[in-house]
Amino acid sequence: MKNANTPVADATSRHQLISHGVDPQNGYGDLLDSIRSRLSLAGDLPGVTVEQQIRLLDELSAFELGRFLLENRGLNAYWTHQLVTYRQGQASADSVSDMEYRIFEKLPAVLATRERFGIFRQQLQALLRPGLVLASIPCGLMGELLLLDYDQQPDITLVGIDLDQHALNCALELARERGLADRLSLRCEDAWTPSLQGEIDVLTSNGLNIYEPDNARVTALYRSFFDMLKPGGALVTSFLTPPPSLSAQSPWNMAEIDQESLSLQHLLFVRVIEAKWSAFRTHAQTMAQLVDAGFADIRFVDDRGCMFPTVVARKPF
C-alpha cells in the first residue's frame, strides 16, 4: 500500500456521490425560491402553517451548516466531522442563532450520530492489536480512526477510502495534525468496488447505507466489505432505524428522545430540506443482510434512543 504524503489526484465526479452534491444548473437564490414554492403548494401541516415552515427555511439559510443542508440535502465529510466531534455545551445560545444551537445541541438524530461516533471509537479502540491494518470506507475525515489512541500500537497501518476527493484531502490534513500521516494511505474509490481484497484486519464504515434505499445494493456493499477483510477480520458499521411513524417494528426508545426536538427535526429534515438520508432498516434486516454477505458473530451496540445502532461483525476464519 502506497503511503499518502500528498493529496490524492481527483479520480471521480461529484455527481457519483449519493450523500451530497449541488445541482450546478441552479443558483442558491433559485433553490430557495423553489423550496418556498414547494412548501406553499404542499400547504399547512397540523399545527404548522406554511408561513411557519418558510420561517424555518429562512432560519436555516442564515448560517453555514443550514445553507449546506439546503443545497446538498445531505452531509459531507467536513460537516459530519463537525457534528460528531462537537462537545455538548460548546456553543452558548448567545453566540449562535437559535436554529443552529438547536441543531447542534438538541436534534435527536444529531445526538444519536454523536453518540454513535463515541461507540465506534470505543469498539475500535478495543479491537486494536499490534501490526493491524485498519481501514475506513467511506472515510470522510476519518475521525473514528485518526482520533484513537495509538501510543501502545506504533506499527498500525491506516487506510482511508472515499469517492469524495475533498474528504480525502481533509483526512490527510487531520492525519498530519495527529502525527499519523506516515501510517496513512488514501484511495479515491467506490465503496462497492474497492481494490483491496483480503488485506484489512478492521474495517469501519458509517453513513453510506443510510443514503441507499436498495436493500440488494446494501447487501452487495456489505459483501464488498467482507471481501476486503482478512479471515477473522472485524467490521464496525451502523444503520438508521425507522421511526415509529414508519414502522411498527421501530426500536426507538421514546423515553430518551425529546418530543419537541423530534418534531422540529421532522419539519427540518423531511419537510424543508428533504434530506437524502432516509434509508431506514431494522436490526433484523441488518442482521439478515450481514449474514447474507457472509458475516458471523454479529452483535449490536445501541445508542440510548436506538436510532443509530452500531453493529460489529466478523469474517469467519
C-alpha atoms as a PDB file:
ATOM      1  CA  MET A   1       0.000   0.000   0.000  1.00  0.00           C
ATOM      2  CA  LYS A   2       1.434   3.330  -1.033  1.00  0.00           C
ATOM      3  CA  ASN A   3       1.868   5.887   1.732  1.00  0.00           C
ATOM      4  CA  ALA A   4      -0.012   9.133   1.066  1.00  0.00           C
ATOM      5  CA  ASN A   5       2.089  12.229   1.601  1.00  0.00           C
ATOM      6  CA  THR A   6       0.220  14.457  -0.847  1.00  0.00           C
ATOM      7  CA  PRO A   7      -3.465  14.858  -1.722  1.00  0.00           C
ATOM      8  CA  VAL A   8      -4.757  12.122  -3.997  1.00  0.00           C
ATOM      9  CA  ALA A   9      -5.404  13.095  -7.605  1.00  0.00           C
ATOM     10  CA  ASP A  10      -9.053  13.700  -8.412  1.00  0.00           C
ATOM     11  CA  ALA A  11     -10.422  10.478  -9.884  1.00  0.00           C
ATOM     12  CA  THR A  12     -14.160  10.880  -9.819  1.00  0.00           C
ATOM     13  CA  SER A  13     -17.033  13.259 -10.331  1.00  0.00           C
ATOM     14  CA  ARG A  14     -19.127  14.754  -7.516  1.00  0.00           C
ATOM     15  CA  HIS A  15     -22.166  13.578  -9.458  1.00  0.00           C
ATOM     16  CA  GLN A  16     -21.340   9.994  -8.400  1.00  0.00           C
ATOM     17  CA  LEU A  17     -21.733  10.848  -4.713  1.00  0.00           C
ATOM     18  CA  ILE A  18     -25.045   9.744  -3.198  1.00  0.00           C
ATOM     19  CA  SER A  19     -24.747  11.637   0.104  1.00  0.00           C
ATOM     20  CA  HIS A  20     -24.298  15.219  -1.095  1.00  0.00           C
ATOM     21  CA  GLY A  21     -23.757  17.383  -4.144  1.00  0.00           C
ATOM     22  CA  VAL A  22     -25.124  20.630  -5.556  1.00  0.00           C
ATOM     23  CA  ASP A  23     -27.156  20.873  -8.757  1.00  0.00           C
ATOM     24  CA  PRO A  24     -24.916  23.066 -10.925  1.00  0.00           C
ATOM     25  CA  GLN A  25     -27.879  24.187 -13.034  1.00  0.00           C
ATOM     26  CA  ASN A  26     -29.437  26.318 -10.317  1.00  0.00           C
ATOM     27  CA  GLY A  27     -28.176  29.150  -8.114  1.00  0.00           C
ATOM     28  CA  TYR A  28     -28.820  29.377  -4.389  1.00  0.00           C
ATOM     29  CA  GLY A  29     -31.497  32.045  -4.786  1.00  0.00           C
ATOM     30  CA  ASP A  30     -33.348  29.864  -7.273  1.00  0.00           C
ATOM     31  CA  LEU A  31     -33.114  26.970  -4.840  1.00  0.00           C
ATOM     32  CA  LEU A  32     -34.686  28.976  -2.014  1.00  0.00           C
ATOM     33  CA  ASP A  33     -37.460  30.152  -4.331  1.00  0.00           C
ATOM     34  CA  SER A  34     -38.183  26.560  -5.384  1.00  0.00           C
ATOM     35  CA  ILE A  35     -38.338  25.400  -1.751  1.00  0.00           C
ATOM     36  CA  ARG A  36     -40.680  28.254  -0.838  1.00  0.00           C
ATOM     37  CA  SER A  37     -42.876  27.338  -3.783  1.00  0.00           C
ATOM     38  CA  ARG A  38     -42.877  23.662  -2.806  1.00  0.00           C
ATOM     39  CA  LEU A  39     -43.815  24.442   0.789  1.00  0.00           C
ATOM     40  CA  SER A  40     -46.582  26.804  -0.318  1.00  0.00           C
ATOM     41  CA  LEU A  41     -48.067  24.228  -2.681  1.00  0.00           C
ATOM     42  CA  ALA A  42     -47.889  21.496  -0.035  1.00  0.00           C
ATOM     43  CA  GLY A  43     -49.870  23.658   2.388  1.00  0.00           C
ATOM     44  CA  ASP A  44     -50.197  23.736   6.136  1.00  0.00           C
ATOM     45  CA  LEU A  45     -49.343  20.839   8.401  1.00  0.00           C
ATOM     46  CA  PRO A  46     -51.279  20.129  11.617  1.00  0.00           C
ATOM     47  CA  GLY A  47     -50.124  22.868  13.972  1.00  0.00           C
ATOM     48  CA  VAL A  48     -47.611  24.323  11.496  1.00  0.00           C
ATOM     49  CA  THR A  49     -48.621  26.873   8.886  1.00  0.00           C
ATOM     50  CA  VAL A  50     -46.888  27.446   5.565  1.00  0.00           C
ATOM     51  CA  GLU A  51     -45.609  30.753   6.930  1.00  0.00           C
ATOM     52  CA  GLN A  52     -44.003  28.980   9.874  1.00  0.00           C
ATOM     53  CA  GLN A  53     -42.385  26.433   7.554  1.00  0.00           C
ATOM     54  CA  ILE A  54     -40.957  29.200   5.367  1.00  0.00           C
ATOM     55  CA  ARG A  55     -39.667  30.902   8.501  1.00  0.00           C
ATOM     56  CA  LEU A  56     -37.727  27.697   9.280  1.00  0.00           C
ATOM     57  CA  LEU A  57     -36.294  27.835   5.767  1.00  0.00           C
ATOM     58  CA  ASP A  58     -35.149  31.409   6.323  1.00  0.00           C
ATOM     59  CA  GLU A  59     -33.585  30.484   9.671  1.00  0.00           C
ATOM     60  CA  LEU A  60     -31.661  27.619   8.062  1.00  0.00           C
ATOM     61  CA  SER A  61     -30.433  29.911   5.329  1.00  0.00           C
ATOM     62  CA  ALA A  62     -28.885  32.264   7.886  1.00  0.00           C
ATOM     63  CA  PHE A  63     -25.909  30.052   8.848  1.00  0.00           C
ATOM     64  CA  GLU A  64     -23.341  27.924   7.031  1.00  0.00           C
ATOM     65  CA  LEU A  65     -24.466  24.417   8.010  1.00  0.00           C
ATOM     66  CA  GLY A  66     -28.089  25.295   7.274  1.00  0.00           C
ATOM     67  CA  ARG A  67     -27.166  26.550   3.806  1.00  0.00           C
ATOM     68  CA  PHE A  68     -25.134  23.419   3.140  1.00  0.00           C
ATOM     69  CA  LEU A  69     -28.053  21.179   4.105  1.00  0.00           C
ATOM     70  CA  LEU A  70     -30.463  23.118   1.909  1.00  0.00           C
ATOM     71  CA  GLU A  71     -28.136  22.920  -1.082  1.00  0.00           C
ATOM     72  CA  ASN A  72     -26.985  19.316  -0.679  1.00  0.00           C
ATOM     73  CA  ARG A  73     -29.779  17.584   1.267  1.00  0.00           C
ATOM     74  CA  GLY A  74     -27.065  15.596   2.989  1.00  0.00           C
ATOM     75  CA  LEU A  75     -23.815  15.937   4.912  1.00  0.00           C
ATOM     76  CA  ASN A  76     -20.281  15.871   3.588  1.00  0.00           C
ATOM     77  CA  ALA A  77     -17.148  14.768   5.426  1.00  0.00           C
ATOM     78  CA  TYR A  78     -16.461  18.179   6.945  1.00  0.00           C
ATOM     79  CA  TRP A  79     -19.920  18.751   8.423  1.00  0.00           C
ATOM     80  CA  THR A  80     -20.247  15.185   9.656  1.00  0.00           C
ATOM     81  CA  HIS A  81     -16.943  15.623  11.492  1.00  0.00           C
ATOM     82  CA  GLN A  82     -18.085  18.948  12.951  1.00  0.00           C
ATOM     83  CA  LEU A  83     -21.316  17.432  14.276  1.00  0.00           C
ATOM     84  CA  VAL A  84     -19.787  14.286  15.801  1.00  0.00           C
ATOM     85  CA  THR A  85     -16.784  15.988  17.414  1.00  0.00           C
ATOM     86  CA  TYR A  86     -18.794  18.913  18.794  1.00  0.00           C
ATOM     87  CA  ARG A  87     -18.771  18.943  22.603  1.00  0.00           C
ATOM     88  CA  GLN A  88     -22.181  19.302  24.215  1.00  0.00           C
ATOM     89  CA  GLY A  89     -22.470  22.815  25.623  1.00  0.00           C
ATOM     90  CA  GLN A  90     -19.599  24.074  23.471  1.00  0.00           C
ATOM     91  CA  ALA A  91     -21.712  26.847  21.941  1.00  0.00           C
ATOM     92  CA  SER A  92     -23.849  29.163  24.009  1.00  0.00           C
ATOM     93  CA  ALA A  93     -27.299  30.210  22.865  1.00  0.00           C
ATOM     94  CA  ASP A  94     -25.956  33.773  22.748  1.00  0.00           C
ATOM     95  CA  SER A  95     -23.066  33.003  20.371  1.00  0.00           C
ATOM     96  CA  VAL A  96     -25.040  31.338  17.555  1.00  0.00           C
ATOM     97  CA  SER A  97     -28.550  31.581  16.152  1.00  0.00           C
ATOM     98  CA  ASP A  98     -31.336  29.708  17.912  1.00  0.00           C
ATOM     99  CA  MET A  99     -31.717  27.332  14.971  1.00  0.00           C
ATOM    100  CA  GLU A 100     -28.013  26.490  14.799  1.00  0.00           C
ATOM    101  CA  TYR A 101     -27.942  25.952  18.565  1.00  0.00           C
ATOM    102  CA  ARG A 102     -30.902  23.584  18.430  1.00  0.00           C
ATOM    103  CA  ILE A 103     -29.378  21.559  15.578  1.00  0.00           C
ATOM    104  CA  PHE A 104     -26.056  21.056  17.373  1.00  0.00           C
ATOM    105  CA  GLU A 105     -27.479  20.689  20.889  1.00  0.00           C
ATOM    106  CA  LYS A 106     -30.992  19.277  20.643  1.00  0.00           C
ATOM    107  CA  LEU A 107     -31.936  17.379  17.474  1.00  0.00           C
ATOM    108  CA  PRO A 108     -32.274  13.654  18.284  1.00  0.00           C
ATOM    109  CA  ALA A 109     -30.597  12.485  15.053  1.00  0.00           C
ATOM    110  CA  VAL A 110     -27.586  14.701  15.714  1.00  0.00           C
ATOM    111  CA  LEU A 111     -27.313  13.485  19.300  1.00  0.00           C
ATOM    112  CA  ALA A 112     -27.638   9.888  18.097  1.00  0.00           C
ATOM    113  CA  THR A 113     -24.908  10.173  15.465  1.00  0.00           C
ATOM    114  CA  ARG A 114     -22.622  11.872  18.007  1.00  0.00           C
ATOM    115  CA  GLU A 115     -23.242   9.038  20.453  1.00  0.00           C
ATOM    116  CA  ARG A 116     -22.709   6.546  17.619  1.00  0.00           C
ATOM    117  CA  PHE A 117     -19.322   8.157  16.908  1.00  0.00           C
ATOM    118  CA  GLY A 118     -18.321   7.635  20.531  1.00  0.00           C
ATOM    119  CA  ILE A 119     -19.454   3.999  20.414  1.00  0.00           C
ATOM    120  CA  PHE A 120     -17.443   3.441  17.225  1.00  0.00           C
ATOM    121  CA  ARG A 121     -14.302   4.782  18.890  1.00  0.00           C
ATOM    122  CA  GLN A 122     -14.848   2.596  21.963  1.00  0.00           C
ATOM    123  CA  GLN A 123     -15.333  -0.527  19.859  1.00  0.00           C
ATOM    124  CA  LEU A 124     -12.391   0.248  17.572  1.00  0.00           C
ATOM    125  CA  GLN A 125     -10.041   1.079  20.449  1.00  0.00           C
ATOM    126  CA  ALA A 126     -10.860  -2.307  21.993  1.00  0.00           C
ATOM    127  CA  LEU A 127     -10.018  -4.074  18.722  1.00  0.00           C
ATOM    128  CA  LEU A 128      -6.514  -2.589  18.411  1.00  0.00           C
ATOM    129  CA  ARG A 129      -3.636  -5.069  18.311  1.00  0.00           C
ATOM    130  CA  PRO A 130      -0.015  -4.725  17.149  1.00  0.00           C
ATOM    131  CA  GLY A 131       0.501  -4.783  13.401  1.00  0.00           C
ATOM    132  CA  LEU A 132      -3.122  -4.414  12.344  1.00  0.00           C
ATOM    133  CA  VAL A 133      -4.315  -2.770   9.127  1.00  0.00           C
ATOM    134  CA  LEU A 134      -7.360  -0.568   9.826  1.00  0.00           C
ATOM    135  CA  ALA A 135      -9.493   0.957   7.075  1.00  0.00           C
ATOM    136  CA  SER A 136     -12.439   3.336   6.853  1.00  0.00           C
ATOM    137  CA  ILE A 137     -14.857   3.416   3.905  1.00  0.00           C
ATOM    138  CA  PRO A 138     -16.194   5.949   3.085  1.00  0.00           C
ATOM    139  CA  CYS A 139     -13.598   7.539   5.325  1.00  0.00           C
ATOM    140  CA  GLY A 140     -14.705  11.180   5.410  1.00  0.00           C
ATOM    141  CA  LEU A 141     -12.266  12.946   7.733  1.00  0.00           C
ATOM    142  CA  MET A 142     -11.587   9.522   9.262  1.00  0.00           C
ATOM    143  CA  GLY A 143     -12.041  10.780  12.818  1.00  0.00           C
ATOM    144  CA  GLU A 144     -13.197   7.407  14.131  1.00  0.00           C
ATOM    145  CA  LEU A 145      -9.687   6.054  13.393  1.00  0.00           C
ATOM    146  CA  LEU A 146      -7.433   9.116  13.472  1.00  0.00           C
ATOM    147  CA  LEU A 147      -8.684  10.155  16.925  1.00  0.00           C
ATOM    148  CA  LEU A 148      -7.903   6.787  18.543  1.00  0.00           C
ATOM    149  CA  ASP A 149      -5.002   6.308  20.972  1.00  0.00           C
ATOM    150  CA  TYR A 150      -2.115   4.536  19.212  1.00  0.00           C
ATOM    151  CA  ASP A 151       0.531   5.083  21.909  1.00  0.00           C
ATOM    152  CA  GLN A 152       0.732   1.333  22.535  1.00  0.00           C
ATOM    153  CA  GLN A 153       0.354   0.408  18.851  1.00  0.00           C
ATOM    154  CA  PRO A 154       3.235   2.039  16.946  1.00  0.00           C
ATOM    155  CA  ASP A 155       3.020  -0.323  13.961  1.00  0.00           C
ATOM    156  CA  ILE A 156      -0.641   0.179  12.993  1.00  0.00           C
ATOM    157  CA  THR A 157      -1.390   0.880   9.304  1.00  0.00           C
ATOM    158  CA  LEU A 158      -4.351   3.106   8.362  1.00  0.00           C
ATOM    159  CA  VAL A 159      -6.255   3.182   5.056  1.00  0.00           C
ATOM    160  CA  GLY A 160      -8.875   5.730   4.019  1.00  0.00           C
ATOM    161  CA  ILE A 161     -11.154   5.110   1.050  1.00  0.00           C
ATOM    162  CA  ASP A 162     -13.656   7.637  -0.251  1.00  0.00           C
ATOM    163  CA  LEU A 163     -15.183   8.733  -3.533  1.00  0.00           C
ATOM    164  CA  ASP A 164     -15.087  12.382  -2.431  1.00  0.00           C
ATOM    165  CA  GLN A 165     -11.700  13.917  -3.182  1.00  0.00           C
ATOM    166  CA  HIS A 166     -12.302  16.753  -0.743  1.00  0.00           C
ATOM    167  CA  ALA A 167     -12.864  14.211   2.053  1.00  0.00           C
ATOM    168  CA  LEU A 168      -9.552  12.515   1.286  1.00  0.00           C
ATOM    169  CA  ASN A 169      -7.687  15.812   1.360  1.00  0.00           C
ATOM    170  CA  CYS A 170      -9.285  16.688   4.712  1.00  0.00           C
ATOM    171  CA  ALA A 171      -8.439  13.232   6.121  1.00  0.00           C
ATOM    172  CA  LEU A 172      -4.799  13.752   5.158  1.00  0.00           C
ATOM    173  CA  GLU A 173      -4.809  17.145   6.880  1.00  0.00           C
ATOM    174  CA  LEU A 174      -6.249  15.641  10.081  1.00  0.00           C
ATOM    175  CA  ALA A 175      -3.702  12.791   9.906  1.00  0.00           C
ATOM    176  CA  ARG A 176      -0.897  15.358   9.741  1.00  0.00           C
ATOM    177  CA  GLU A 177      -2.349  17.190  12.749  1.00  0.00           C
ATOM    178  CA  ARG A 178      -2.440  13.900  14.656  1.00  0.00           C
ATOM    179  CA  GLY A 179       1.081  12.876  13.600  1.00  0.00           C
ATOM    180  CA  LEU A 180      -0.276   9.857  11.729  1.00  0.00           C
ATOM    181  CA  ALA A 181       0.300  10.824   8.085  1.00  0.00           C
ATOM    182  CA  ASP A 182       3.224   8.401   7.751  1.00  0.00           C
ATOM    183  CA  ARG A 183       0.904   5.496   8.640  1.00  0.00           C
ATOM    184  CA  LEU A 184      -1.902   6.536   6.281  1.00  0.00           C
ATOM    185  CA  SER A 185      -2.671   5.607   2.685  1.00  0.00           C
ATOM    186  CA  LEU A 186      -5.635   7.109   0.844  1.00  0.00           C
ATOM    187  CA  ARG A 187      -7.599   5.783  -2.105  1.00  0.00           C
ATOM    188  CA  CYS A 188     -10.228   7.500  -4.244  1.00  0.00           C
ATOM    189  CA  GLU A 189     -12.515   4.536  -4.915  1.00  0.00           C
ATOM    190  CA  ASP A 190     -16.142   3.467  -4.904  1.00  0.00           C
ATOM    191  CA  ALA A 191     -17.170   1.516  -1.801  1.00  0.00           C
ATOM    192  CA  TRP A 192     -18.905  -1.113  -3.927  1.00  0.00           C
ATOM    193  CA  THR A 193     -15.784  -1.811  -5.996  1.00  0.00           C
ATOM    194  CA  PRO A 194     -12.727  -1.419  -3.730  1.00  0.00           C
ATOM    195  CA  SER A 195      -9.366  -2.611  -4.998  1.00  0.00           C
ATOM    196  CA  LEU A 196      -8.188  -4.062  -1.671  1.00  0.00           C
ATOM    197  CA  GLN A 197      -9.103  -7.723  -1.249  1.00  0.00           C
ATOM    198  CA  GLY A 198      -8.388  -9.717   1.909  1.00  0.00           C
ATOM    199  CA  GLU A 199      -5.934  -7.124   3.257  1.00  0.00           C
ATOM    200  CA  ILE A 200      -7.814  -5.403   6.117  1.00  0.00           C
ATOM    201  CA  ASP A 201      -7.969  -6.515   9.763  1.00  0.00           C
ATOM    202  CA  VAL A 202     -10.549  -3.972  10.976  1.00  0.00           C
ATOM    203  CA  LEU A 203     -12.902  -2.110   8.651  1.00  0.00           C
ATOM    204  CA  THR A 204     -15.161   0.731   9.742  1.00  0.00           C
ATOM    205  CA  SER A 205     -17.993   2.226   7.707  1.00  0.00           C
ATOM    206  CA  ASN A 206     -20.594   4.805   8.626  1.00  0.00           C
ATOM    207  CA  GLY A 207     -23.067   6.945   6.740  1.00  0.00           C
ATOM    208  CA  LEU A 208     -23.289   5.296   3.324  1.00  0.00           C
ATOM    209  CA  ASN A 209     -26.033   2.694   3.742  1.00  0.00           C
ATOM    210  CA  ILE A 210     -28.392   5.367   5.115  1.00  0.00           C
ATOM    211  CA  TYR A 211     -28.408   7.037   1.674  1.00  0.00           C
ATOM    212  CA  GLU A 212     -29.015   3.789  -0.256  1.00  0.00           C
ATOM    213  CA  PRO A 213     -32.683   2.657  -0.387  1.00  0.00           C
ATOM    214  CA  ASP A 214     -31.984  -0.503  -2.422  1.00  0.00           C
ATOM    215  CA  ASN A 215     -31.619  -3.423   0.007  1.00  0.00           C
ATOM    216  CA  ALA A 216     -29.842  -5.558  -2.577  1.00  0.00           C
ATOM    217  CA  ARG A 217     -27.282  -2.790  -3.083  1.00  0.00           C
ATOM    218  CA  VAL A 218     -26.676  -2.566   0.668  1.00  0.00           C
ATOM    219  CA  THR A 219     -26.146  -6.331   0.873  1.00  0.00           C
ATOM    220  CA  ALA A 220     -23.713  -6.015  -2.037  1.00  0.00           C
ATOM    221  CA  LEU A 221     -21.952  -3.230  -0.125  1.00  0.00           C
ATOM    222  CA  TYR A 222     -21.563  -5.498   2.906  1.00  0.00           C
ATOM    223  CA  ARG A 223     -20.246  -8.226   0.598  1.00  0.00           C
ATOM    224  CA  SER A 224     -17.582  -5.859  -0.706  1.00  0.00           C
ATOM    225  CA  PHE A 225     -16.627  -5.116   2.912  1.00  0.00           C
ATOM    226  CA  PHE A 226     -16.444  -8.857   3.583  1.00  0.00           C
ATOM    227  CA  ASP A 227     -14.094  -9.331   0.636  1.00  0.00           C
ATOM    228  CA  MET A 228     -11.801  -6.538   1.871  1.00  0.00           C
ATOM    229  CA  LEU A 229     -11.280  -8.215   5.239  1.00  0.00           C
ATOM    230  CA  LYS A 230      -8.762 -10.868   6.147  1.00  0.00           C
ATOM    231  CA  PRO A 231     -10.217 -14.083   7.614  1.00  0.00           C
ATOM    232  CA  GLY A 232     -11.081 -13.279  11.223  1.00  0.00           C
ATOM    233  CA  GLY A 233     -11.277  -9.560  10.426  1.00  0.00           C
ATOM    234  CA  ALA A 234     -13.880  -7.285  12.016  1.00  0.00           C
ATOM    235  CA  LEU A 235     -16.408  -4.870  10.522  1.00  0.00           C
ATOM    236  CA  VAL A 236     -17.722  -1.966  12.599  1.00  0.00           C
ATOM    237  CA  THR A 237     -20.656  -0.287  10.894  1.00  0.00           C
ATOM    238  CA  SER A 238     -24.009   1.341  11.666  1.00  0.00           C
ATOM    239  CA  PHE A 239     -27.528   1.883  10.333  1.00  0.00           C
ATOM    240  CA  LEU A 240     -30.533   4.131  10.868  1.00  0.00           C
ATOM    241  CA  THR A 241     -33.625   2.534  12.367  1.00  0.00           C
ATOM    242  CA  PRO A 242     -37.150   3.510  11.251  1.00  0.00           C
ATOM    243  CA  PRO A 243     -39.226   5.884  13.372  1.00  0.00           C
ATOM    244  CA  PRO A 244     -42.500   4.604  14.871  1.00  0.00           C
ATOM    245  CA  SER A 245     -44.450   6.619  12.294  1.00  0.00           C
ATOM    246  CA  LEU A 246     -42.960   4.472   9.514  1.00  0.00           C
ATOM    247  CA  SER A 247     -42.699   1.024  11.071  1.00  0.00           C
ATOM    248  CA  ALA A 248     -44.416  -0.992  13.776  1.00  0.00           C
ATOM    249  CA  GLN A 249     -41.008  -2.648  14.262  1.00  0.00           C
ATOM    250  CA  SER A 250     -39.349   0.643  15.218  1.00  0.00           C
ATOM    251  CA  PRO A 251     -36.985   0.103  18.164  1.00  0.00           C
ATOM    252  CA  TRP A 252     -36.846   3.781  19.139  1.00  0.00           C
ATOM    253  CA  ASN A 253     -36.712   4.366  22.887  1.00  0.00           C
ATOM    254  CA  MET A 254     -39.071   7.333  23.089  1.00  0.00           C
ATOM    255  CA  ALA A 255     -38.259   7.915  26.766  1.00  0.00           C
ATOM    256  CA  GLU A 256     -34.777   9.037  25.634  1.00  0.00           C
ATOM    257  CA  ILE A 257     -35.994  11.303  22.811  1.00  0.00           C
ATOM    258  CA  ASP A 258     -37.173  14.872  23.373  1.00  0.00           C
ATOM    259  CA  GLN A 259     -40.516  15.163  21.590  1.00  0.00           C
ATOM    260  CA  GLU A 260     -40.332  18.880  20.828  1.00  0.00           C
ATOM    261  CA  SER A 261     -36.896  18.471  19.250  1.00  0.00           C
ATOM    262  CA  LEU A 262     -38.099  15.412  17.348  1.00  0.00           C
ATOM    263  CA  SER A 263     -40.982  17.425  15.867  1.00  0.00           C
ATOM    264  CA  LEU A 264     -38.578  20.168  14.791  1.00  0.00           C
ATOM    265  CA  GLN A 265     -36.259  17.567  13.299  1.00  0.00           C
ATOM    266  CA  HIS A 266     -39.099  16.132  11.210  1.00  0.00           C
ATOM    267  CA  LEU A 267     -40.035  19.567   9.919  1.00  0.00           C
ATOM    268  CA  LEU A 268     -36.450  20.441   9.027  1.00  0.00           C
ATOM    269  CA  PHE A 269     -35.219  17.176   7.537  1.00  0.00           C
ATOM    270  CA  VAL A 270     -38.392  15.788   5.962  1.00  0.00           C
ATOM    271  CA  ARG A 271     -40.415  18.848   5.054  1.00  0.00           C
ATOM    272  CA  VAL A 272     -37.947  21.675   4.397  1.00  0.00           C
ATOM    273  CA  ILE A 273     -34.626  20.046   3.463  1.00  0.00           C
ATOM    274  CA  GLU A 274     -35.964  16.736   2.093  1.00  0.00           C
ATOM    275  CA  ALA A 275     -32.848  15.003   3.400  1.00  0.00           C
ATOM    276  CA  LYS A 276     -31.449  12.106   1.408  1.00  0.00           C
ATOM    277  CA  TRP A 277     -30.563  10.002   4.465  1.00  0.00           C
ATOM    278  CA  SER A 278     -33.899   8.200   4.591  1.00  0.00           C
ATOM    279  CA  ALA A 279     -32.940   4.533   4.124  1.00  0.00           C
ATOM    280  CA  PHE A 280     -34.075   3.041   7.426  1.00  0.00           C
ATOM    281  CA  ARG A 281     -33.562  -0.589   8.428  1.00  0.00           C
ATOM    282  CA  THR A 282     -34.336  -2.696  11.473  1.00  0.00           C
ATOM    283  CA  HIS A 283     -31.883  -4.800  13.449  1.00  0.00           C
ATOM    284  CA  ALA A 284     -33.392  -7.930  11.870  1.00  0.00           C
ATOM    285  CA  GLN A 285     -32.957  -6.574   8.334  1.00  0.00           C
ATOM    286  CA  THR A 286     -29.372  -5.580   9.014  1.00  0.00           C
ATOM    287  CA  MET A 287     -28.618  -8.941  10.601  1.00  0.00           C
ATOM    288  CA  ALA A 288     -30.031 -10.745   7.558  1.00  0.00           C
ATOM    289  CA  GLN A 289     -28.034  -8.579   5.148  1.00  0.00           C
ATOM    290  CA  LEU A 290     -24.783  -9.161   7.014  1.00  0.00           C
ATOM    291  CA  VAL A 291     -25.386 -12.907   7.235  1.00  0.00           C
ATOM    292  CA  ASP A 292     -26.169 -12.969   3.503  1.00  0.00           C
ATOM    293  CA  ALA A 293     -22.848 -11.197   2.894  1.00  0.00           C
ATOM    294  CA  GLY A 294     -21.026 -13.919   4.847  1.00  0.00           C
ATOM    295  CA  PHE A 295     -20.514 -12.318   8.265  1.00  0.00           C
ATOM    296  CA  ALA A 296     -20.770 -14.136  11.597  1.00  0.00           C
ATOM    297  CA  ASP A 297     -20.521 -13.289  15.331  1.00  0.00           C
ATOM    298  CA  ILE A 298     -22.794 -10.284  14.773  1.00  0.00           C
ATOM    299  CA  ARG A 299     -23.591  -8.092  17.767  1.00  0.00           C
ATOM    300  CA  PHE A 300     -25.361  -4.750  18.152  1.00  0.00           C
ATOM    301  CA  VAL A 301     -24.456  -1.811  20.367  1.00  0.00           C
ATOM    302  CA  ASP A 302     -27.410   0.570  20.590  1.00  0.00           C
ATOM    303  CA  ASP A 303     -27.365   4.278  21.300  1.00  0.00           C
ATOM    304  CA  ARG A 304     -29.712   5.405  24.060  1.00  0.00           C
ATOM    305  CA  GLY A 305     -32.538   6.273  21.688  1.00  0.00           C
ATOM    306  CA  CYS A 306     -31.860   3.226  19.496  1.00  0.00           C
ATOM    307  CA  MET A 307     -31.935   5.498  16.454  1.00  0.00           C
ATOM    308  CA  PHE A 308     -28.424   4.854  15.075  1.00  0.00           C
ATOM    309  CA  PRO A 309     -27.152   1.458  16.280  1.00  0.00           C
ATOM    310  CA  THR A 310     -23.604   0.211  15.835  1.00  0.00           C
ATOM    311  CA  VAL A 311     -23.030  -3.335  14.652  1.00  0.00           C
ATOM    312  CA  VAL A 312     -19.825  -5.357  14.932  1.00  0.00           C
ATOM    313  CA  ALA A 313     -19.381  -8.466  12.779  1.00  0.00           C
ATOM    314  CA  ARG A 314     -16.591 -10.917  11.949  1.00  0.00           C
ATOM    315  CA  LYS A 315     -15.416 -12.599   8.786  1.00  0.00           C
ATOM    316  CA  PRO A 316     -15.037 -16.281   9.690  1.00  0.00           C
ATOM    317  CA  PHE A 317     -11.598 -17.892   9.576  1.00  0.00           C
END
